[in-house]
Structures are given as structure tokens and as C-alpha cells.
Amino acid sequence: MFILLTTLIIINVGVLNMDSRKRKPAHPGRILKNMYIKPLGITVTKLAETLGVSRKAVSSIINEHKSVTSDMALRLSMAFDTTPEFWSNLQNTHDLFCARHDSIEWKSVPRIPMDQVMA
């Protein structure tokens, strides 16, 4: 129940204020480690075996070195009875925040007037 409620809070907070957020959203690996692996007492090795991936793959995610791919989102959703969208949304929210704050080049892209698109 705790995991479900916390999960809903994270999803709602992440969706509401993407532009006004000051703090970097949690990497999905941190969520995986702190809300699933630790509370359930699962080892990284056991989770990797359950997911059918290498220990290195899981370790890279929980240490925030790698992203949660669509394939991994599907695997995690099966293992923890969540949705793949939950894991994908966590990753996307994190990635968009990083892109928005780590680069300013995207701000120089000019708008294309919609009347030109429809012509």
C-alpha cells in the first residue's frame, strides 16, 4: 500500500509542474532502489534474475548511470505489478528536466507559423 500511494504521489507531482520545477526529479533508478529493492529486501542479483537481464544492467539503472528503456519498463512493470508507462514516465520526466536545464540551444529554435505548416 505504501509503495502504491507513494507511486501515485510521484506521478501526480511529476505531471503537474514540469516547467516550474526547481529540483531535479528522481531518476527511476533511485525510485527502483528506494521504493522497491530496499523495502522488499531483494538483492540486485535476484532482481536481475527475475527480470531476465544481467546484474550489470540493473546495477547501472539503480546507480543512475543508465536509463530505463522501454524493454526494461515492460520487465519492471511485470515484476512489480505496475505499468510500463509508470517507469517510462519517470524516465521521461527526468530526461526532460535534464535537457531543459543542461542546454540552452533548444531555446534558439524559431517557431514555425502554423499557416505555413497547413499550406
Protein backbone atom coordinates (compact mmCIF):
# COMPACT_ATOMS: atom_id res chain seq x y z
CA MET A 1 0.00 0.00 0.00
CA PHE A 2 2.85 2.43 0.87
CA ILE A 3 4.51 1.82 -2.49
CA LEU A 4 1.25 2.39 -4.37
CA LEU A 5 0.45 5.65 -2.57
CA THR A 6 3.97 6.98 -2.97
CA THR A 7 3.94 5.97 -6.62
CA LEU A 8 0.73 7.93 -7.21
CA ILE A 9 2.17 10.98 -5.46
CA ILE A 10 5.31 10.88 -7.59
CA ILE A 11 3.33 10.54 -10.80
CA ASN A 12 0.98 13.40 -9.91
CA VAL A 13 3.76 15.75 -8.80
CA GLY A 14 5.83 14.92 -11.87
CA VAL A 15 2.99 15.65 -14.26
CA LEU A 16 1.70 18.87 -12.71
CA ASN A 17 4.61 21.29 -12.71
CA MET A 18 7.25 20.24 -15.22
CA ASP A 19 8.08 23.83 -16.25
CA SER A 20 8.15 25.33 -12.76
CA ARG A 21 10.05 22.52 -11.06
CA LYS A 22 13.22 23.70 -9.33
CA ARG A 23 14.53 20.36 -8.09
CA LYS A 24 15.69 17.65 -10.40
CA PRO A 25 13.17 14.77 -10.48
CA ALA A 26 14.35 11.47 -9.08
CA HIS A 27 15.97 9.13 -11.55
CA PRO A 28 13.85 5.97 -11.94
CA GLY A 29 16.82 4.01 -10.62
CA ARG A 30 16.54 5.83 -7.30
CA ILE A 31 12.83 5.02 -7.17
CA LEU A 32 13.58 1.40 -8.01
CA LYS A 33 16.22 1.15 -5.30
CA ASN A 34 14.48 3.07 -2.51
CA MET A 35 10.87 2.09 -3.06
CA TYR A 36 11.13 -1.46 -4.35
CA ILE A 37 14.51 -3.17 -3.86
CA LYS A 38 15.25 -1.97 -0.31
CA PRO A 39 11.73 -2.29 1.18
CA LEU A 40 11.25 -5.73 -0.35
CA GLY A 41 14.72 -6.92 0.65
CA ILE A 42 15.58 -8.03 -2.88
CA THR A 43 19.19 -8.22 -3.99
CA VAL A 44 20.29 -6.73 -7.29
CA THR A 45 21.31 -10.23 -8.39
CA LYS A 46 17.87 -11.67 -7.57
CA LEU A 47 16.08 -8.82 -9.35
CA ALA A 48 18.29 -9.26 -12.41
CA GLU A 49 17.49 -12.98 -12.48
CA THR A 50 13.78 -12.27 -12.12
CA LEU A 51 13.86 -9.70 -14.92
CA GLY A 52 15.97 -11.90 -17.16
CA VAL A 53 18.74 -9.33 -17.54
CA SER A 54 22.31 -9.01 -16.35
CA ARG A 55 23.19 -7.81 -12.87
CA LYS A 56 25.15 -5.04 -14.55
CA ALA A 57 22.01 -3.80 -16.34
CA VAL A 58 20.08 -3.47 -13.06
CA SER A 59 23.07 -2.01 -11.23
CA SER A 60 23.58 0.61 -13.94
CA ILE A 61 19.97 1.74 -13.55
CA ILE A 62 19.88 1.87 -9.76
CA ASN A 63 23.20 3.72 -9.70
CA GLU A 64 21.67 6.22 -12.16
CA HIS A 65 24.21 5.56 -14.92
CA LYS A 66 21.71 4.17 -17.45
CA SER A 67 18.14 4.98 -18.41
CA VAL A 68 15.11 2.73 -18.13
CA THR A 69 14.45 1.55 -21.69
CA SER A 70 11.03 0.55 -22.99
CA ASP A 71 12.02 -3.10 -22.69
CA MET A 72 13.14 -2.61 -19.10
CA ALA A 73 9.93 -0.70 -18.33
CA LEU A 74 7.95 -3.71 -19.53
CA ARG A 75 10.03 -6.07 -17.40
CA LEU A 76 9.80 -3.89 -14.28
CA SER A 77 6.05 -3.50 -14.73
CA MET A 78 5.61 -7.27 -14.80
CA ALA A 79 7.86 -7.83 -11.78
CA PHE A 80 6.34 -5.14 -9.58
CA ASP A 81 2.74 -5.12 -10.87
CA THR A 82 2.97 -1.56 -12.14
CA THR A 83 2.59 -0.23 -15.66
CA PRO A 84 5.34 0.25 -18.20
CA GLU A 85 4.11 3.83 -18.51
CA PHE A 86 4.97 4.43 -14.86
CA TRP A 87 8.64 3.60 -15.47
CA SER A 88 8.73 5.35 -18.85
CA ASN A 89 7.13 8.49 -17.41
CA LEU A 90 9.64 8.60 -14.56
CA GLN A 91 12.46 8.35 -17.09
CA ASN A 92 10.92 10.90 -19.44
CA THR A 93 10.30 13.42 -16.65
CA HIS A 94 13.91 13.06 -15.52
CA ASP A 95 15.28 13.33 -19.07
CA LEU A 96 13.20 16.39 -19.97
CA PHE A 97 14.27 18.19 -16.82
CA CYS A 98 17.92 17.46 -17.58
CA ALA A 99 17.57 18.57 -21.20
CA ARG A 100 15.75 21.74 -20.17
CA HIS A 101 18.43 22.66 -17.62
CA ASP A 102 21.64 21.28 -19.14
CA SER A 103 21.35 23.00 -22.50
CA ILE A 104 20.06 26.31 -23.81
CA GLU A 105 20.48 25.54 -27.51
CA TRP A 106 16.88 24.35 -27.81
CA LYS A 107 15.69 27.85 -26.82
CA SER A 108 17.03 29.31 -30.06
CA VAL A 109 14.79 27.16 -32.28
CA PRO A 110 12.37 29.52 -34.05
CA ARG A 111 8.66 28.87 -34.10
CA ILE A 112 7.16 27.79 -37.40
CA PRO A 113 3.93 29.69 -38.06
CA MET A 114 1.06 27.24 -38.29
CA ASP A 115 -0.24 28.85 -41.50
CA GLN A 116 2.99 27.70 -43.19
CA VAL A 117 2.53 24.15 -41.89
CA MET A 118 -1.01 23.88 -43.25
CA ALA A 119 -0.15 25.23 -46.71
